Structures are given as structure tokens and as C-alpha cells.
Amino acid sequence: MSAGQPSGDRPARVLAGRPAAGAGPWRRLLGASAHRLGAGAHRLGAADQALYVAVAASPTPWLDEPVRRLSRSANFSRLWLAIAAAIAVAGGPDGRRAALRGVIAIGATSAAVNIGMKTIRPRPRPDRVGAHVPAARQVAMPSSGSFPSGHSASAFAFASSVGASLPAAAPPLLLLAAAVAYSRVYTGVHFPGDVIIGSVIGAAIGRAVASWPS
């Protein structure tokens, strides 16, 4: 702006996510909040990437094949459906009720994550090649968005729902769910943040389904 140009002629602009001084108070507040959220998301994304690279660089070749198989066993929730069938057969009426709720929790969680959240703002999958994830531990890279992890969500939905109905089964099921969630980072198809948020969502839905009246 030249020295003789009146200040009122300056156009209102938003620079770097910050509202112009002449914007209304609500616009300034929203602009400042968006700026802070964007900065926070950037920092979290950097930490997510650093953790992903650290896991990829972990020298644990003896785990590669077992973890890869565990991750693949959870495709389409096959692992959890097999466990549900075993619980229904061996657990009597309580087992059948718990197994049914576990399957319902998986269905509700899969719909919420895969039809809902993944389509709102798809997150690109990690750069597995750039992170040098060992080939021996890799599974097929899904075509869907990375956030949140559907495998982790379904795992914790089932474990939380069944565990709430059958407390003795809760510790092993939750441990297995955590192993499946970790396998998604270990095999290179998810960032740690994807599996953490997916696990929280699945656990919440699983507990909600378990609280339904019999």
C-alpha cells in the first residue's frame, strides 16, 4: 500500500489462517481456533509419522511372520467371527448372548468407521516404501482411507462387548485386540494415531452394545 492510500481501501484478507483485523469478533474467534487446531494437527501428524518410522525401523525379524499372519487373520473380522462361534458353542446361553452382541458390535462399528468416518475426510495411507517397512512383514495395502483403523475398531468393539458380558474372557480378548491393532502399524498399513482412535471408537461402541437389555 502506498503512503497516500487511505487505510479504508485495504482489502480484508486472511493470512496463514488468521482473520483480518477488521473481521467481526466471531470470525476472528473461529479463525484463531482453526489456526490453533491446524497447528495442533500438524504437530500430531509429525509425531504420528515419527512413531510410524520408529516401528518400521524396529529390528524384530522373528515377529514379522507371526504378526503378519495375525493381521491377515483379522481381515473381514474372520478372527472375531471364529471366536464368536466358539463362544456360542461352548458358553451356553450366556456365551451365545455374548457372541451375538459381539457380532452386532462389529457390524455397528464397521458401518460407523468404513461407511461414515473414512469417507468424511480420507487420510492417505502411510508411505511404506519411504519408511522402509521390511517386505517380510507387509500385508496388502488397503485402498480405503487410513483414518481410523477399521481392524482396530472391530477388534476392540468385539473384545469390549464380549468382555463386558463375560468378564473372565475380557483380559485375553483385549490383549488379542491390542495385538491386532499394533499389527496394523507393524505391517505398515496404518499410522499409530489411526489405530488409537479406531480402538477408542470400537471400545465405546462395544460397551454401548453390551449395555443393551437382554
Protein backbone atom coordinates (compact mmCIF):
# COMPACT_ATOMS: atom_id res chain seq x y z
CA MET A 1 0.00 0.00 0.00
CA SER A 2 1.40 3.41 -0.94
CA ALA A 3 1.83 6.13 1.67
CA GLY A 4 -1.05 8.13 0.21
CA GLN A 5 -3.51 5.24 0.02
CA PRO A 6 -6.23 5.52 2.68
CA SER A 7 -6.35 2.68 5.13
CA GLY A 8 -10.03 2.06 4.38
CA ASP A 9 -9.11 0.93 0.85
CA ARG A 10 -7.10 -2.04 2.13
CA PRO A 11 -8.93 -5.32 1.27
CA ALA A 12 -9.85 -7.68 4.10
CA ARG A 13 -7.65 -10.75 3.94
CA VAL A 14 -6.91 -13.85 5.94
CA LEU A 15 -3.22 -14.70 6.08
CA ALA A 16 -1.88 -18.02 7.34
CA GLY A 17 -5.22 -18.97 8.83
CA ARG A 18 -5.58 -15.71 10.85
CA PRO A 19 -8.55 -13.40 10.26
CA ALA A 20 -8.04 -9.78 9.22
CA ALA A 21 -8.18 -7.14 11.92
CA GLY A 22 -11.44 -5.77 10.54
CA ALA A 23 -13.30 -9.10 10.79
CA GLY A 24 -16.12 -9.48 13.27
CA PRO A 25 -15.44 -10.99 16.69
CA TRP A 26 -16.97 -14.38 15.86
CA ARG A 27 -14.99 -14.64 12.64
CA ARG A 28 -11.82 -13.71 14.49
CA LEU A 29 -12.55 -16.34 17.14
CA LEU A 30 -13.28 -19.04 14.57
CA GLY A 31 -10.24 -18.10 12.54
CA ALA A 32 -7.97 -18.21 15.58
CA SER A 33 -9.45 -21.56 16.65
CA ALA A 34 -8.92 -23.01 13.18
CA HIS A 35 -5.34 -21.78 13.21
CA ARG A 36 -4.65 -23.41 16.58
CA LEU A 37 -6.32 -26.67 15.52
CA GLY A 38 -4.33 -26.71 12.31
CA ALA A 39 -1.08 -26.18 14.19
CA GLY A 40 -2.01 -28.90 16.68
CA ALA A 41 -2.93 -31.32 13.90
CA HIS A 42 0.41 -30.62 12.21
CA ARG A 43 2.31 -31.39 15.41
CA LEU A 44 0.30 -34.58 15.99
CA GLY A 45 0.87 -35.61 12.39
CA ALA A 46 4.60 -35.17 12.80
CA ALA A 47 4.57 -37.29 15.97
CA ASP A 48 2.44 -39.91 14.22
CA GLN A 49 4.91 -40.10 11.36
CA ALA A 50 7.88 -40.34 13.75
CA LEU A 51 6.28 -43.24 15.65
CA TYR A 52 5.41 -44.99 12.40
CA VAL A 53 9.02 -44.75 11.19
CA ALA A 54 10.30 -45.95 14.57
CA VAL A 55 8.14 -49.08 14.41
CA ALA A 56 9.19 -49.69 10.81
CA ALA A 57 12.84 -49.49 11.85
CA SER A 58 12.46 -51.92 14.76
CA PRO A 59 14.79 -54.90 14.13
CA THR A 60 12.45 -57.75 15.09
CA PRO A 61 12.51 -60.24 12.21
CA TRP A 62 11.28 -63.08 14.45
CA LEU A 63 7.98 -61.20 14.81
CA ASP A 64 7.46 -60.44 11.13
CA GLU A 65 5.69 -63.63 10.07
CA PRO A 66 3.53 -64.16 13.21
CA VAL A 67 2.37 -60.53 13.27
CA ARG A 68 1.70 -60.55 9.53
CA ARG A 69 -0.45 -63.66 9.91
CA LEU A 70 -2.31 -62.15 12.87
CA SER A 71 -3.06 -59.01 10.89
CA ARG A 72 -4.33 -61.01 7.92
CA SER A 73 -6.48 -63.23 10.16
CA ALA A 74 -8.49 -60.16 11.18
CA ASN A 75 -9.42 -59.28 7.59
CA PHE A 76 -13.21 -59.07 7.29
CA SER A 77 -13.30 -59.83 11.05
CA ARG A 78 -12.70 -63.54 10.37
CA LEU A 79 -10.74 -63.91 13.60
CA TRP A 80 -13.53 -62.42 15.72
CA LEU A 81 -16.29 -64.33 13.96
CA ALA A 82 -14.43 -67.59 14.61
CA ILE A 83 -14.04 -66.72 18.29
CA ALA A 84 -17.72 -65.74 18.46
CA ALA A 85 -18.68 -69.14 17.04
CA ALA A 86 -16.53 -70.93 19.63
CA ILE A 87 -18.02 -68.89 22.47
CA ALA A 88 -21.55 -69.55 21.25
CA VAL A 89 -20.93 -73.30 21.11
CA ALA A 90 -19.05 -73.69 24.39
CA GLY A 91 -20.50 -70.91 26.51
CA GLY A 92 -24.13 -71.92 26.88
CA PRO A 93 -26.89 -69.27 26.91
CA ASP A 94 -24.57 -66.58 28.29
CA GLY A 95 -21.98 -67.40 25.66
CA ARG A 96 -24.49 -67.24 22.85
CA ARG A 97 -25.79 -63.91 24.10
CA ALA A 98 -22.26 -62.50 24.41
CA ALA A 99 -21.27 -63.81 20.97
CA LEU A 100 -24.34 -62.27 19.35
CA ARG A 101 -23.63 -58.91 20.94
CA GLY A 102 -20.02 -59.12 19.85
CA VAL A 103 -21.03 -59.70 16.23
CA ILE A 104 -23.56 -56.84 16.42
CA ALA A 105 -20.82 -54.58 17.82
CA ILE A 106 -18.55 -55.48 14.91
CA GLY A 107 -21.30 -54.68 12.39
CA ALA A 108 -22.15 -51.35 14.00
CA THR A 109 -18.51 -50.36 14.27
CA SER A 110 -17.69 -51.35 10.70
CA ALA A 111 -20.57 -49.24 9.42
CA ALA A 112 -19.58 -46.24 11.54
CA VAL A 113 -15.93 -46.40 10.51
CA ASN A 114 -15.94 -47.63 6.92
CA ILE A 115 -19.16 -46.04 5.65
CA GLY A 116 -19.03 -42.98 7.88
CA MET A 117 -15.72 -41.71 9.17
CA LYS A 118 -13.39 -42.91 6.41
CA THR A 119 -15.46 -41.11 3.76
CA ILE A 120 -15.71 -37.75 5.52
CA ARG A 121 -12.05 -36.76 5.19
CA PRO A 122 -9.97 -39.64 3.83
CA ARG A 123 -6.40 -39.76 5.13
CA PRO A 124 -3.75 -41.13 2.75
CA ARG A 125 -2.13 -44.40 3.74
CA PRO A 126 1.44 -44.29 5.06
CA ASP A 127 4.39 -44.29 2.69
CA ARG A 128 5.53 -47.82 3.46
CA VAL A 129 8.30 -47.74 0.86
CA GLY A 130 9.72 -44.45 2.12
CA ALA A 131 9.65 -45.72 5.70
CA HIS A 132 11.50 -48.91 4.65
CA VAL A 133 8.99 -51.30 6.22
CA PRO A 134 10.56 -54.77 5.78
CA ALA A 135 8.93 -56.75 2.99
CA ALA A 136 8.66 -59.85 5.20
CA ARG A 137 6.12 -58.18 7.47
CA GLN A 138 3.96 -56.48 4.83
CA VAL A 139 0.32 -57.27 4.08
CA ALA A 140 -1.76 -55.97 1.18
CA MET A 141 -2.23 -52.21 1.38
CA PRO A 142 -5.98 -51.44 1.57
CA SER A 143 -7.48 -48.98 -0.89
CA SER A 144 -9.62 -47.20 1.71
CA GLY A 145 -8.54 -44.19 3.74
CA SER A 146 -6.16 -44.69 6.63
CA PHE A 147 -8.13 -42.93 9.40
CA PRO A 148 -9.39 -44.53 11.54
CA SER A 149 -8.27 -48.16 11.56
CA GLY A 150 -11.20 -50.45 10.85
CA HIS A 151 -9.34 -53.55 12.05
CA SER A 152 -8.57 -51.89 15.39
CA ALA A 153 -12.12 -50.60 15.77
CA SER A 154 -13.68 -54.01 15.10
CA ALA A 155 -11.18 -55.74 17.39
CA PHE A 156 -11.95 -53.55 20.37
CA ALA A 157 -15.68 -53.48 19.63
CA PHE A 158 -15.82 -57.27 19.84
CA ALA A 159 -13.46 -57.58 22.82
CA SER A 160 -15.22 -54.83 24.80
CA SER A 161 -18.71 -56.13 24.09
CA VAL A 162 -17.97 -59.78 24.84
CA GLY A 163 -15.73 -58.90 27.78
CA ALA A 164 -18.50 -56.87 29.39
CA SER A 165 -20.82 -59.89 29.25
CA LEU A 166 -18.16 -62.50 30.08
CA PRO A 167 -15.65 -60.81 32.43
CA ALA A 168 -13.33 -63.84 32.51
CA ALA A 169 -12.89 -63.53 28.75
CA ALA A 170 -12.11 -59.81 28.83
CA PRO A 171 -8.32 -59.88 29.52
CA PRO A 172 -7.35 -62.33 26.74
CA LEU A 173 -9.73 -60.75 24.25
CA LEU A 174 -8.49 -57.22 24.97
CA LEU A 175 -4.88 -58.39 24.75
CA LEU A 176 -5.60 -60.02 21.39
CA ALA A 177 -7.38 -56.86 20.20
CA ALA A 178 -4.35 -54.77 21.18
CA ALA A 179 -2.08 -57.16 19.28
CA VAL A 180 -4.24 -56.84 16.16
CA ALA A 181 -4.23 -53.05 16.47
CA TYR A 182 -0.44 -52.98 16.80
CA SER A 183 -0.10 -55.34 13.83
CA ARG A 184 -1.65 -52.71 11.58
CA VAL A 185 1.21 -50.32 12.36
CA TYR A 186 3.82 -53.08 12.34
CA THR A 187 2.81 -54.23 8.86
CA GLY A 188 2.89 -50.65 7.62
CA VAL A 189 -0.74 -50.02 6.65
CA HIS A 190 -1.70 -47.56 9.41
CA PHE A 191 -0.26 -44.73 11.42
CA PRO A 192 -0.33 -45.16 15.23
CA GLY A 193 -2.97 -42.44 15.54
CA ASP A 194 -5.27 -44.38 13.21
CA VAL A 195 -5.23 -47.45 15.45
CA ILE A 196 -5.53 -45.48 18.70
CA ILE A 197 -8.63 -43.60 17.55
CA GLY A 198 -10.06 -46.72 15.95
CA SER A 199 -9.57 -48.66 19.18
CA VAL A 200 -11.30 -45.96 21.24
CA ILE A 201 -14.26 -45.83 18.84
CA GLY A 202 -14.60 -49.60 18.80
CA ALA A 203 -14.40 -49.90 22.59
CA ALA A 204 -17.09 -47.24 23.03
CA ILE A 205 -19.47 -48.93 20.57
CA GLY A 206 -18.77 -52.35 22.06
CA ARG A 207 -19.59 -51.16 25.57
CA ALA A 208 -22.76 -49.49 24.29
CA VAL A 209 -23.93 -52.69 22.61
CA ALA A 210 -23.11 -54.71 25.75
CA SER A 211 -25.33 -52.40 27.81
CA TRP A 212 -28.43 -53.23 25.79
CA PRO A 213 -31.14 -55.05 27.78
CA SER A 214 -31.17 -58.82 27.37
